[in-house]
Amino acid sequence: MYGTGRTRRFQGTKSKWGFSKFISKESLTDPSNGYVVGDKSCVFGAEVFVAKKEAITQCVSSRNVDIPYKRDWIIPNFSKLGDDWKSEEFSAGGEKWTIRLYPKGVSSGTHVDIFVWYYGCERVEACFTIRMKEQVFDQEYEKSCKDYLFTASSRHWLLRNFMEIETMNDPKKGFIVNDSCLLQLEISSLKDVVE
């Protein structure tokens, strides 16, 4: 009797794999099948082939074509934005993305919030940084996310409370100049994640 297995990735969050319907109890205990001998004992075996760790954790080459990926947007007429600003769809790592900025926040009303949207159907793990560029002294305000898992059912990541609205709008801080701000997204890595 053989159970057919697929390639599986063992990690801290998924350290066990098995077969839910390997063999029926009736087949196992039927003496004519020869699985149980003598004192009603049997022996099970498993063959495990270990893949090199590098082969599992490295970026797939098709995803690594344009990674790291860095993109800047100049958002004009900042004071006239409605509830949100949405970028055009762009391609990074062979997948489609957009970014959305909420100048008045999603719910708090005190902070600017930012969403990163993923339009692919594969499971990918991404590391990325979002920056708001300060335009007077060439400084930047940034927040990063490491190893976020995007899936078909979890397509967006919300950076809640990215920056205080008061700080963003303060002319002395230099984030808004001539009613425009500079937003940057950097995706430093993308990795396929197998189930």
N, C-alpha and C. Protein backbone atom coordinates (compact mmCIF):
# COMPACT_ATOMS: atom_id res chain seq x y z
N MET A 1 0.86 -1.19 0.00
CA MET A 1 0.00 0.00 0.00
C MET A 1 0.89 1.23 0.00
N TYR A 2 0.64 2.14 -0.92
CA TYR A 2 1.46 3.34 -1.01
C TYR A 2 0.59 4.57 -0.95
N GLY A 3 0.99 5.55 -0.16
CA GLY A 3 0.35 6.85 -0.17
C GLY A 3 1.17 7.76 -1.05
N THR A 4 0.52 8.48 -1.91
CA THR A 4 1.27 9.37 -2.80
C THR A 4 1.31 10.75 -2.19
N GLY A 5 2.48 11.30 -2.09
CA GLY A 5 2.64 12.60 -1.48
C GLY A 5 3.05 13.65 -2.49
N ARG A 6 2.82 14.89 -2.12
CA ARG A 6 3.28 16.02 -2.92
C ARG A 6 4.43 16.66 -2.17
N THR A 7 5.08 17.59 -2.83
CA THR A 7 6.13 18.34 -2.14
C THR A 7 5.48 19.19 -1.07
N ARG A 8 5.98 19.10 0.13
CA ARG A 8 5.44 19.84 1.27
C ARG A 8 6.54 20.65 1.91
N ARG A 9 6.17 21.80 2.42
CA ARG A 9 7.12 22.66 3.11
C ARG A 9 6.86 22.59 4.61
N PHE A 10 7.84 22.13 5.36
CA PHE A 10 7.73 22.08 6.81
C PHE A 10 8.33 23.36 7.37
N GLN A 11 7.60 23.98 8.29
CA GLN A 11 8.09 25.21 8.90
C GLN A 11 7.49 25.31 10.30
N GLY A 12 7.79 26.39 10.99
CA GLY A 12 7.31 26.55 12.36
C GLY A 12 5.80 26.53 12.48
N THR A 13 5.10 27.11 11.50
CA THR A 13 3.64 27.15 11.56
C THR A 13 2.98 25.91 11.01
N LYS A 14 3.70 25.09 10.25
CA LYS A 14 3.15 23.86 9.69
C LYS A 14 4.22 22.79 9.78
N SER A 15 4.27 22.11 10.93
CA SER A 15 5.35 21.14 11.17
C SER A 15 4.91 19.70 10.94
N LYS A 16 3.64 19.44 10.57
CA LYS A 16 3.16 18.08 10.35
C LYS A 16 2.39 18.01 9.04
N TRP A 17 2.56 16.90 8.35
CA TRP A 17 1.77 16.60 7.16
C TRP A 17 1.35 15.15 7.24
N GLY A 18 0.25 14.79 6.62
CA GLY A 18 -0.19 13.40 6.63
C GLY A 18 -1.23 13.13 5.58
N PHE A 19 -1.78 11.92 5.63
CA PHE A 19 -2.83 11.50 4.70
C PHE A 19 -4.08 11.24 5.52
N SER A 20 -5.17 11.89 5.20
CA SER A 20 -6.40 11.68 5.97
C SER A 20 -7.07 10.36 5.62
N LYS A 21 -6.89 9.86 4.40
CA LYS A 21 -7.52 8.60 3.99
C LYS A 21 -6.45 7.69 3.39
N PHE A 22 -5.52 7.28 4.20
CA PHE A 22 -4.40 6.46 3.74
C PHE A 22 -4.86 5.03 3.44
N ILE A 23 -5.53 4.41 4.42
CA ILE A 23 -6.04 3.03 4.26
C ILE A 23 -7.24 2.88 5.18
N SER A 24 -8.24 2.16 4.70
CA SER A 24 -9.43 1.97 5.54
C SER A 24 -9.13 0.98 6.68
N LYS A 25 -9.87 1.11 7.76
CA LYS A 25 -9.69 0.23 8.91
C LYS A 25 -9.99 -1.22 8.52
N GLU A 26 -11.01 -1.40 7.66
CA GLU A 26 -11.38 -2.75 7.23
C GLU A 26 -10.24 -3.41 6.45
N SER A 27 -9.62 -2.65 5.52
CA SER A 27 -8.51 -3.20 4.74
C SER A 27 -7.31 -3.50 5.63
N LEU A 28 -7.07 -2.62 6.59
CA LEU A 28 -5.91 -2.81 7.48
C LEU A 28 -6.07 -4.06 8.34
N THR A 29 -7.26 -4.31 8.86
CA THR A 29 -7.46 -5.42 9.80
C THR A 29 -7.87 -6.72 9.13
N ASP A 30 -8.13 -6.74 7.82
CA ASP A 30 -8.48 -7.97 7.11
C ASP A 30 -7.23 -8.85 6.99
N PRO A 31 -7.24 -10.05 7.62
CA PRO A 31 -6.05 -10.92 7.63
C PRO A 31 -5.58 -11.32 6.22
N SER A 32 -6.49 -11.37 5.28
CA SER A 32 -6.10 -11.80 3.93
C SER A 32 -5.23 -10.76 3.22
N ASN A 33 -5.24 -9.53 3.68
CA ASN A 33 -4.41 -8.49 3.07
C ASN A 33 -2.97 -8.53 3.57
N GLY A 34 -2.75 -9.15 4.72
CA GLY A 34 -1.39 -9.32 5.22
C GLY A 34 -0.77 -8.11 5.90
N TYR A 35 -1.56 -7.09 6.21
CA TYR A 35 -1.00 -5.92 6.89
C TYR A 35 -0.77 -6.18 8.37
N VAL A 36 -1.65 -6.95 8.98
CA VAL A 36 -1.54 -7.28 10.39
C VAL A 36 -1.09 -8.74 10.49
N VAL A 37 -0.03 -8.97 11.25
CA VAL A 37 0.52 -10.33 11.37
C VAL A 37 0.64 -10.72 12.83
N GLY A 38 0.56 -12.03 13.06
CA GLY A 38 0.80 -12.59 14.38
C GLY A 38 -0.01 -11.95 15.48
N ASP A 39 0.68 -11.20 16.31
CA ASP A 39 0.06 -10.63 17.51
C ASP A 39 -0.69 -9.32 17.21
N LYS A 40 -1.17 -9.20 16.00
CA LYS A 40 -1.94 -8.03 15.58
C LYS A 40 -1.10 -6.76 15.58
N SER A 41 0.14 -6.88 15.15
CA SER A 41 0.98 -5.68 15.01
C SER A 41 1.28 -5.47 13.53
N CYS A 42 1.57 -4.24 13.20
CA CYS A 42 1.92 -3.90 11.83
C CYS A 42 3.03 -2.85 11.84
N VAL A 43 3.66 -2.70 10.70
CA VAL A 43 4.76 -1.74 10.58
C VAL A 43 4.41 -0.74 9.49
N PHE A 44 4.58 0.53 9.79
CA PHE A 44 4.38 1.59 8.81
C PHE A 44 5.74 2.20 8.48
N GLY A 45 5.86 2.65 7.28
CA GLY A 45 7.11 3.30 6.87
C GLY A 45 6.82 4.57 6.11
N ALA A 46 7.79 5.45 6.08
CA ALA A 46 7.65 6.70 5.33
C ALA A 46 8.98 7.01 4.67
N GLU A 47 8.92 7.43 3.44
CA GLU A 47 10.11 7.83 2.72
C GLU A 47 10.05 9.34 2.56
N VAL A 48 11.07 10.02 3.04
CA VAL A 48 11.11 11.48 2.98
C VAL A 48 12.34 11.90 2.21
N PHE A 49 12.14 12.73 1.23
CA PHE A 49 13.25 13.29 0.46
C PHE A 49 13.36 14.76 0.84
N VAL A 50 14.54 15.17 1.26
CA VAL A 50 14.74 16.54 1.73
C VAL A 50 15.30 17.38 0.60
N ALA A 51 14.60 18.47 0.30
CA ALA A 51 15.09 19.42 -0.69
C ALA A 51 16.02 20.40 0.01
N LYS A 52 16.98 20.93 -0.73
CA LYS A 52 17.87 21.91 -0.13
C LYS A 52 17.06 23.12 0.31
N LYS A 53 17.41 23.68 1.47
CA LYS A 53 16.68 24.81 2.02
C LYS A 53 16.65 25.98 1.05
N GLU A 54 17.75 26.22 0.35
CA GLU A 54 17.82 27.35 -0.57
C GLU A 54 16.75 27.23 -1.67
N ALA A 55 16.48 26.01 -2.10
CA ALA A 55 15.50 25.82 -3.17
C ALA A 55 14.10 26.18 -2.71
N ILE A 56 13.83 26.09 -1.42
CA ILE A 56 12.50 26.39 -0.91
C ILE A 56 12.33 27.87 -0.62
N THR A 57 13.36 28.50 -0.08
CA THR A 57 13.19 29.86 0.41
C THR A 57 13.57 30.96 -0.58
N GLN A 58 14.27 30.62 -1.65
CA GLN A 58 14.68 31.69 -2.54
C GLN A 58 13.52 32.19 -3.39
N CYS A 59 13.64 33.40 -3.91
CA CYS A 59 12.63 33.94 -4.80
C CYS A 59 12.61 33.14 -6.09
N VAL A 60 11.44 32.90 -6.60
CA VAL A 60 11.34 32.26 -7.90
C VAL A 60 11.82 33.27 -8.94
N SER A 61 12.57 32.79 -9.93
CA SER A 61 13.20 33.72 -10.86
C SER A 61 12.21 34.63 -11.55
N SER A 62 11.02 34.13 -11.89
CA SER A 62 10.04 34.99 -12.55
C SER A 62 9.57 36.12 -11.66
N ARG A 63 9.63 35.92 -10.36
CA ARG A 63 9.25 36.97 -9.42
C ARG A 63 10.40 37.93 -9.16
N ASN A 64 11.60 37.50 -9.47
CA ASN A 64 12.77 38.29 -9.13
C ASN A 64 13.21 39.20 -10.28
N VAL A 65 12.45 39.21 -11.38
CA VAL A 65 12.85 39.96 -12.57
C VAL A 65 13.05 41.44 -12.26
N ASP A 66 12.10 42.04 -11.57
CA ASP A 66 12.20 43.47 -11.30
C ASP A 66 12.14 43.77 -9.80
N ILE A 67 12.72 42.86 -9.00
CA ILE A 67 12.79 43.05 -7.56
C ILE A 67 14.26 43.22 -7.20
N PRO A 68 14.68 44.19 -6.41
CA PRO A 68 13.81 45.13 -5.72
C PRO A 68 13.17 46.12 -6.70
N TYR A 69 11.96 46.50 -6.34
CA TYR A 69 11.16 47.40 -7.17
C TYR A 69 10.95 48.68 -6.37
N LYS A 70 11.16 49.82 -7.01
CA LYS A 70 10.95 51.10 -6.34
C LYS A 70 10.17 52.00 -7.27
N ARG A 71 9.15 52.64 -6.73
CA ARG A 71 8.29 53.50 -7.55
C ARG A 71 7.91 54.73 -6.76
N ASP A 72 8.01 55.91 -7.40
CA ASP A 72 7.62 57.18 -6.80
C ASP A 72 6.37 57.71 -7.48
N TRP A 73 5.51 58.32 -6.70
CA TRP A 73 4.34 59.01 -7.23
C TRP A 73 4.33 60.44 -6.70
N ILE A 74 4.08 61.40 -7.57
CA ILE A 74 3.79 62.77 -7.15
C ILE A 74 2.28 62.87 -7.11
N ILE A 75 1.74 63.17 -5.95
CA ILE A 75 0.29 63.28 -5.79
C ILE A 75 -0.06 64.76 -5.75
N PRO A 76 -0.60 65.32 -6.85
CA PRO A 76 -0.90 66.75 -6.90
C PRO A 76 -2.26 67.06 -6.25
N ASN A 77 -2.48 68.34 -6.01
CA ASN A 77 -3.76 68.82 -5.46
C ASN A 77 -4.16 68.05 -4.20
N PHE A 78 -3.19 67.91 -3.31
CA PHE A 78 -3.42 67.10 -2.11
C PHE A 78 -4.59 67.63 -1.28
N SER A 79 -4.70 68.95 -1.18
CA SER A 79 -5.77 69.53 -0.36
C SER A 79 -7.15 69.29 -0.97
N LYS A 80 -7.20 68.95 -2.25
CA LYS A 80 -8.49 68.74 -2.93
C LYS A 80 -8.84 67.25 -3.07
N LEU A 81 -7.99 66.37 -2.55
CA LEU A 81 -8.30 64.94 -2.63
C LEU A 81 -9.57 64.65 -1.84
N GLY A 82 -10.35 63.72 -2.33
CA GLY A 82 -11.54 63.29 -1.58
C GLY A 82 -11.14 62.36 -0.47
N ASP A 83 -11.84 61.23 -0.38
CA ASP A 83 -11.55 60.27 0.68
C ASP A 83 -10.26 59.51 0.43
N ASP A 84 -9.90 59.31 -0.86
CA ASP A 84 -8.69 58.54 -1.14
C ASP A 84 -8.10 58.90 -2.50
N TRP A 85 -6.84 58.52 -2.66
CA TRP A 85 -6.13 58.62 -3.93
C TRP A 85 -5.67 57.22 -4.27
N LYS A 86 -5.85 56.82 -5.53
CA LYS A 86 -5.47 55.47 -5.97
C LYS A 86 -4.49 55.57 -7.13
N SER A 87 -3.39 54.83 -7.04
CA SER A 87 -2.42 54.80 -8.13
C SER A 87 -2.98 54.02 -9.31
N GLU A 88 -2.33 54.17 -10.45
CA GLU A 88 -2.64 53.30 -11.57
C GLU A 88 -2.11 51.90 -11.23
N GLU A 89 -2.61 50.90 -11.93
CA GLU A 89 -2.11 49.54 -11.73
C GLU A 89 -0.68 49.48 -12.26
N PHE A 90 0.21 48.83 -11.51
CA PHE A 90 1.60 48.69 -11.95
C PHE A 90 2.04 47.25 -11.75
N SER A 91 3.13 46.90 -12.40
CA SER A 91 3.64 45.53 -12.35
C SER A 91 4.95 45.49 -11.57
N ALA A 92 5.04 44.54 -10.64
CA ALA A 92 6.28 44.31 -9.87
C ALA A 92 6.35 42.83 -9.56
N GLY A 93 7.48 42.21 -9.85
CA GLY A 93 7.66 40.79 -9.58
C GLY A 93 6.74 39.91 -10.40
N GLY A 94 6.33 40.40 -11.56
CA GLY A 94 5.45 39.63 -12.41
C GLY A 94 3.99 39.65 -11.99
N GLU A 95 3.63 40.49 -11.03
CA GLU A 95 2.26 40.60 -10.55
C GLU A 95 1.78 42.05 -10.66
N LYS A 96 0.46 42.23 -10.60
CA LYS A 96 -0.15 43.56 -10.68
C LYS A 96 -0.47 44.06 -9.27
N TRP A 97 -0.28 45.37 -9.07
CA TRP A 97 -0.47 46.00 -7.77
C TRP A 97 -1.09 47.38 -7.94
N THR A 98 -1.66 47.92 -6.88
CA THR A 98 -1.98 49.34 -6.77
C THR A 98 -1.69 49.76 -5.33
N ILE A 99 -1.62 51.05 -5.13
CA ILE A 99 -1.46 51.59 -3.78
C ILE A 99 -2.52 52.67 -3.61
N ARG A 100 -3.09 52.74 -2.41
CA ARG A 100 -4.13 53.74 -2.11
C ARG A 100 -3.74 54.51 -0.87
N LEU A 101 -3.93 55.81 -0.93
CA LEU A 101 -3.63 56.69 0.19
C LEU A 101 -4.93 57.33 0.63
N TYR A 102 -5.19 57.31 1.94
CA TYR A 102 -6.38 57.92 2.53
C TYR A 102 -5.91 59.13 3.35
N PRO A 103 -6.01 60.35 2.78
CA PRO A 103 -5.46 61.53 3.45
C PRO A 103 -6.16 61.89 4.75
N LYS A 104 -7.40 61.42 4.93
CA LYS A 104 -8.13 61.69 6.18
C LYS A 104 -8.27 60.42 7.02
N GLY A 105 -7.59 59.38 6.63
CA GLY A 105 -7.65 58.11 7.35
C GLY A 105 -8.85 57.29 6.93
N VAL A 106 -8.82 56.01 7.26
CA VAL A 106 -9.92 55.11 6.94
C VAL A 106 -11.02 55.25 7.99
N SER A 107 -10.62 55.31 9.25
CA SER A 107 -11.64 55.39 10.30
C SER A 107 -11.28 56.37 11.42
N SER A 108 -9.98 56.52 11.71
CA SER A 108 -9.60 57.31 12.88
C SER A 108 -9.80 58.81 12.70
N GLY A 109 -9.54 59.32 11.51
CA GLY A 109 -9.64 60.75 11.27
C GLY A 109 -8.46 61.54 11.80
N THR A 110 -7.46 60.85 12.37
CA THR A 110 -6.29 61.54 12.91
C THR A 110 -5.01 61.20 12.16
N HIS A 111 -5.05 60.12 11.38
CA HIS A 111 -3.84 59.64 10.70
C HIS A 111 -4.12 59.35 9.23
N VAL A 112 -3.10 59.54 8.40
CA VAL A 112 -3.13 59.11 7.02
C VAL A 112 -2.96 57.59 7.01
N ASP A 113 -3.78 56.89 6.24
CA ASP A 113 -3.68 55.43 6.11
C ASP A 113 -3.32 55.09 4.67
N ILE A 114 -2.64 53.95 4.48
CA ILE A 114 -2.21 53.52 3.15
C ILE A 114 -2.50 52.02 2.99
N PHE A 115 -3.04 51.66 1.83
CA PHE A 115 -3.27 50.27 1.46
C PHE A 115 -2.33 49.89 0.33
N VAL A 116 -1.82 48.66 0.36
CA VAL A 116 -1.13 48.05 -0.79
C VAL A 116 -2.04 46.92 -1.25
N TRP A 117 -2.45 46.95 -2.53
CA TRP A 117 -3.36 45.95 -3.11
C TRP A 117 -2.61 45.04 -4.07
N TYR A 118 -2.87 43.76 -3.95
CA TYR A 118 -2.26 42.72 -4.79
C TYR A 118 -3.34 42.09 -5.66
N TYR A 119 -3.10 41.99 -6.98
CA TYR A 119 -4.11 41.47 -7.90
C TYR A 119 -3.75 40.09 -8.47
N GLY A 120 -2.77 39.43 -7.90
CA GLY A 120 -2.39 38.10 -8.38
C GLY A 120 -3.26 37.02 -7.77
N CYS A 121 -3.05 35.78 -8.21
CA CYS A 121 -3.80 34.67 -7.64
C CYS A 121 -2.89 33.66 -6.96
N GLU A 122 -1.58 33.87 -6.98
CA GLU A 122 -0.64 33.00 -6.27
C GLU A 122 -0.49 33.49 -4.83
N ARG A 123 0.06 32.62 -3.99
CA ARG A 123 0.39 33.02 -2.61
C ARG A 123 1.82 33.56 -2.63
N VAL A 124 1.97 34.84 -2.31
CA VAL A 124 3.30 35.43 -2.30
C VAL A 124 3.54 36.15 -0.98
N GLU A 125 4.77 36.06 -0.54
CA GLU A 125 5.20 36.73 0.68
C GLU A 125 6.05 37.92 0.26
N ALA A 126 5.70 39.09 0.75
CA ALA A 126 6.37 40.32 0.31
C ALA A 126 6.95 41.08 1.49
N CYS A 127 8.11 41.70 1.22
CA CYS A 127 8.71 42.65 2.15
C CYS A 127 8.70 43.99 1.43
N PHE A 128 8.16 45.02 2.06
CA PHE A 128 8.11 46.31 1.39
C PHE A 128 8.17 47.46 2.38
N THR A 129 8.47 48.64 1.84
CA THR A 129 8.58 49.86 2.62
C THR A 129 7.80 50.95 1.91
N ILE A 130 7.06 51.74 2.68
CA ILE A 130 6.34 52.89 2.15
C ILE A 130 6.97 54.14 2.74
N ARG A 131 7.26 55.09 1.87
CA ARG A 131 7.91 56.33 2.31
C ARG A 131 7.10 57.55 1.86
N MET A 132 7.02 58.53 2.74
CA MET A 132 6.52 59.84 2.38
C MET A 132 7.76 60.73 2.39
N LYS A 133 8.06 61.33 1.25
CA LYS A 133 9.30 62.10 1.11
C LYS A 133 9.08 63.52 1.59
N GLU A 134 9.97 63.97 2.44
CA GLU A 134 9.98 65.36 2.91
C GLU A 134 10.75 66.13 1.85
N GLN A 135 10.16 67.18 1.30
CA GLN A 135 10.68 67.81 0.08
C GLN A 135 11.60 69.00 0.31
N VAL A 136 11.75 69.45 1.53
CA VAL A 136 12.59 70.62 1.79
C VAL A 136 14.02 70.21 2.12
N PHE A 137 14.18 69.28 3.03
CA PHE A 137 15.51 68.86 3.47
C PHE A 137 15.88 67.47 2.95
N ASP A 138 15.09 66.94 2.02
CA ASP A 138 15.33 65.63 1.41
C ASP A 138 15.39 64.52 2.46
N GLN A 139 14.47 64.58 3.40
CA GLN A 139 14.33 63.52 4.41
C GLN A 139 13.14 62.67 4.01
N GLU A 140 12.87 61.64 4.77
CA GLU A 140 11.70 60.81 4.48
C GLU A 140 11.14 60.20 5.75
N TYR A 141 9.87 59.91 5.71
CA TYR A 141 9.17 59.23 6.79
C TYR A 141 8.76 57.88 6.23
N GLU A 142 9.12 56.80 6.91
CA GLU A 142 8.86 55.48 6.34
C GLU A 142 8.40 54.48 7.37
N LYS A 143 7.66 53.50 6.86
CA LYS A 143 7.29 52.33 7.66
C LYS A 143 7.44 51.12 6.77
N SER A 144 7.86 50.01 7.36
CA SER A 144 8.13 48.79 6.59
C SER A 144 7.26 47.63 7.07
N CYS A 145 7.08 46.70 6.17
CA CYS A 145 6.37 45.45 6.48
C CYS A 145 7.25 44.31 6.00
N LYS A 146 7.44 43.33 6.84
CA LYS A 146 8.31 42.20 6.49
C LYS A 146 7.48 40.93 6.40
N ASP A 147 7.67 40.19 5.32
CA ASP A 147 7.08 38.86 5.14
C ASP A 147 5.56 38.85 5.28
N TYR A 148 4.88 39.78 4.60
CA TYR A 148 3.43 39.77 4.61
C TYR A 148 2.93 38.81 3.54
N LEU A 149 1.98 37.94 3.89
CA LEU A 149 1.47 36.94 2.95
C LEU A 149 0.23 37.47 2.24
N PHE A 150 0.35 37.65 0.91
CA PHE A 150 -0.79 38.01 0.07
C PHE A 150 -1.33 36.73 -0.55
N THR A 151 -2.65 36.57 -0.55
CA THR A 151 -3.30 35.41 -1.17
C THR A 151 -4.51 35.89 -1.96
N ALA A 152 -5.17 34.96 -2.63
CA ALA A 152 -6.38 35.31 -3.38
C ALA A 152 -7.48 35.80 -2.46
N SER A 153 -7.48 35.35 -1.21
CA SER A 153 -8.52 35.78 -0.27
C SER A 153 -8.04 36.91 0.66
N SER A 154 -6.77 37.23 0.64
CA SER A 154 -6.22 38.32 1.45
C SER A 154 -5.34 39.18 0.55
N ARG A 155 -5.98 40.05 -0.22
CA ARG A 155 -5.30 40.77 -1.30
C ARG A 155 -4.72 42.11 -0.89
N HIS A 156 -5.00 42.59 0.30
CA HIS A 156 -4.48 43.92 0.64
C HIS A 156 -3.83 43.94 2.01
N TRP A 157 -2.97 44.91 2.14
CA TRP A 157 -2.31 45.16 3.42
C TRP A 157 -2.57 46.62 3.78
N LEU A 158 -3.04 46.86 4.97
CA LEU A 158 -3.36 48.20 5.43
C LEU A 158 -2.29 48.69 6.39
N LEU A 159 -1.70 49.81 6.04
CA LEU A 159 -0.77 50.48 6.95
C LEU A 159 -1.58 51.55 7.67
N ARG A 160 -2.21 51.13 8.76
CA ARG A 160 -3.04 52.04 9.54
C ARG A 160 -2.13 52.98 10.35
N ASN A 161 -2.58 54.20 10.48
CA ASN A 161 -1.84 55.21 11.26
C ASN A 161 -0.43 55.43 10.72
N PHE A 162 -0.33 55.55 9.41
CA PHE A 162 0.97 55.76 8.78
C PHE A 162 1.62 57.04 9.29
N MET A 163 0.89 58.14 9.26
CA MET A 163 1.43 59.42 9.70
C MET A 163 0.27 60.28 10.20
N GLU A 164 0.52 61.08 11.23
CA GLU A 164 -0.52 61.98 11.72
C GLU A 164 -0.88 62.98 10.62
N ILE A 165 -2.17 63.21 10.45
CA ILE A 165 -2.64 64.18 9.45
C ILE A 165 -2.06 65.55 9.75
N GLU A 166 -1.99 65.91 11.01
CA GLU A 166 -1.44 67.21 11.42
C GLU A 166 0.02 67.36 10.97
N THR A 167 0.81 66.30 11.13
CA THR A 167 2.20 66.32 10.69
C THR A 167 2.29 66.42 9.18
N MET A 168 1.47 65.65 8.49
CA MET A 168 1.46 65.65 7.03
C MET A 168 1.15 67.04 6.48
N ASN A 169 0.19 67.72 7.08
CA ASN A 169 -0.27 69.03 6.57
C ASN A 169 0.53 70.22 7.10
N ASP A 170 1.43 70.01 8.03
CA ASP A 170 2.21 71.11 8.60
C ASP A 170 3.21 71.63 7.57
N PRO A 171 3.09 72.89 7.10
CA PRO A 171 4.00 73.41 6.08
C PRO A 171 5.47 73.43 6.52
N LYS A 172 5.72 73.48 7.83
CA LYS A 172 7.10 73.49 8.33
C LYS A 172 7.76 72.12 8.21
N LYS A 173 6.96 71.07 8.07
CA LYS A 173 7.51 69.71 7.98
C LYS A 173 7.97 69.38 6.57
N GLY A 174 7.39 70.03 5.56
CA GLY A 174 7.85 69.86 4.18
C GLY A 174 7.34 68.63 3.45
N PHE A 175 6.32 67.97 3.99
CA PHE A 175 5.77 66.81 3.27
C PHE A 175 4.85 67.23 2.13
N ILE A 176 4.21 68.39 2.28
CA ILE A 176 3.38 68.92 1.19
C ILE A 176 3.98 70.25 0.76
N VAL A 177 4.38 70.30 -0.51
CA VAL A 177 4.95 71.52 -1.10
C VAL A 177 4.20 71.77 -2.41
N ASN A 178 3.76 73.00 -2.59
CA ASN A 178 2.94 73.35 -3.77
C ASN A 178 1.74 72.41 -3.91
N ASP A 179 1.15 72.08 -2.77
CA ASP A 179 -0.04 71.22 -2.70
C ASP A 179 0.19 69.83 -3.30
N SER A 180 1.44 69.36 -3.26
CA SER A 180 1.77 68.02 -3.76
C SER A 180 2.60 67.28 -2.73
N CYS A 181 2.45 65.97 -2.70
CA CYS A 181 3.30 65.15 -1.84
C CYS A 181 3.97 64.08 -2.69
N LEU A 182 5.05 63.51 -2.17
CA LEU A 182 5.81 62.47 -2.86
C LEU A 182 5.72 61.18 -2.06
N LEU A 183 5.12 60.16 -2.68
CA LEU A 183 4.93 58.86 -2.05
C LEU A 183 5.81 57.85 -2.78
N GLN A 184 6.44 56.98 -2.01
CA GLN A 184 7.29 55.96 -2.62
C GLN A 184 6.96 54.58 -2.04
N LEU A 185 6.93 53.58 -2.91
CA LEU A 185 6.78 52.18 -2.50
C LEU A 185 8.01 51.44 -2.96
N GLU A 186 8.62 50.68 -2.06
CA GLU A 186 9.74 49.81 -2.42
C GLU A 186 9.40 48.40 -1.99
N ILE A 187 9.39 47.47 -2.95
CA ILE A 187 9.20 46.05 -2.64
C ILE A 187 10.58 45.42 -2.72
N SER A 188 11.09 44.98 -1.58
CA SER A 188 12.46 44.48 -1.53
C SER A 188 12.55 43.00 -1.84
N SER A 189 11.47 42.24 -1.60
CA SER A 189 11.50 40.82 -1.96
C SER A 189 10.09 40.28 -2.14
N LEU A 190 9.97 39.28 -3.02
CA LEU A 190 8.74 38.53 -3.22
C LEU A 190 9.10 37.06 -3.27
N LYS A 191 8.39 36.23 -2.55
CA LYS A 191 8.66 34.79 -2.54
C LYS A 191 7.37 34.04 -2.74
N ASP A 192 7.42 33.00 -3.56
CA ASP A 192 6.28 32.09 -3.68
C ASP A 192 6.14 31.32 -2.38
N VAL A 193 4.92 31.10 -1.94
CA VAL A 193 4.67 30.30 -0.75
C VAL A 193 3.76 29.16 -1.16
N VAL A 194 4.25 27.93 -1.00
CA VAL A 194 3.44 26.77 -1.34
C VAL A 194 2.64 26.33 -0.13
N GLU A 195 1.46 25.81 -0.38
CA GLU A 195 0.60 25.36 0.73
C GLU A 195 1.13 24.07 1.31
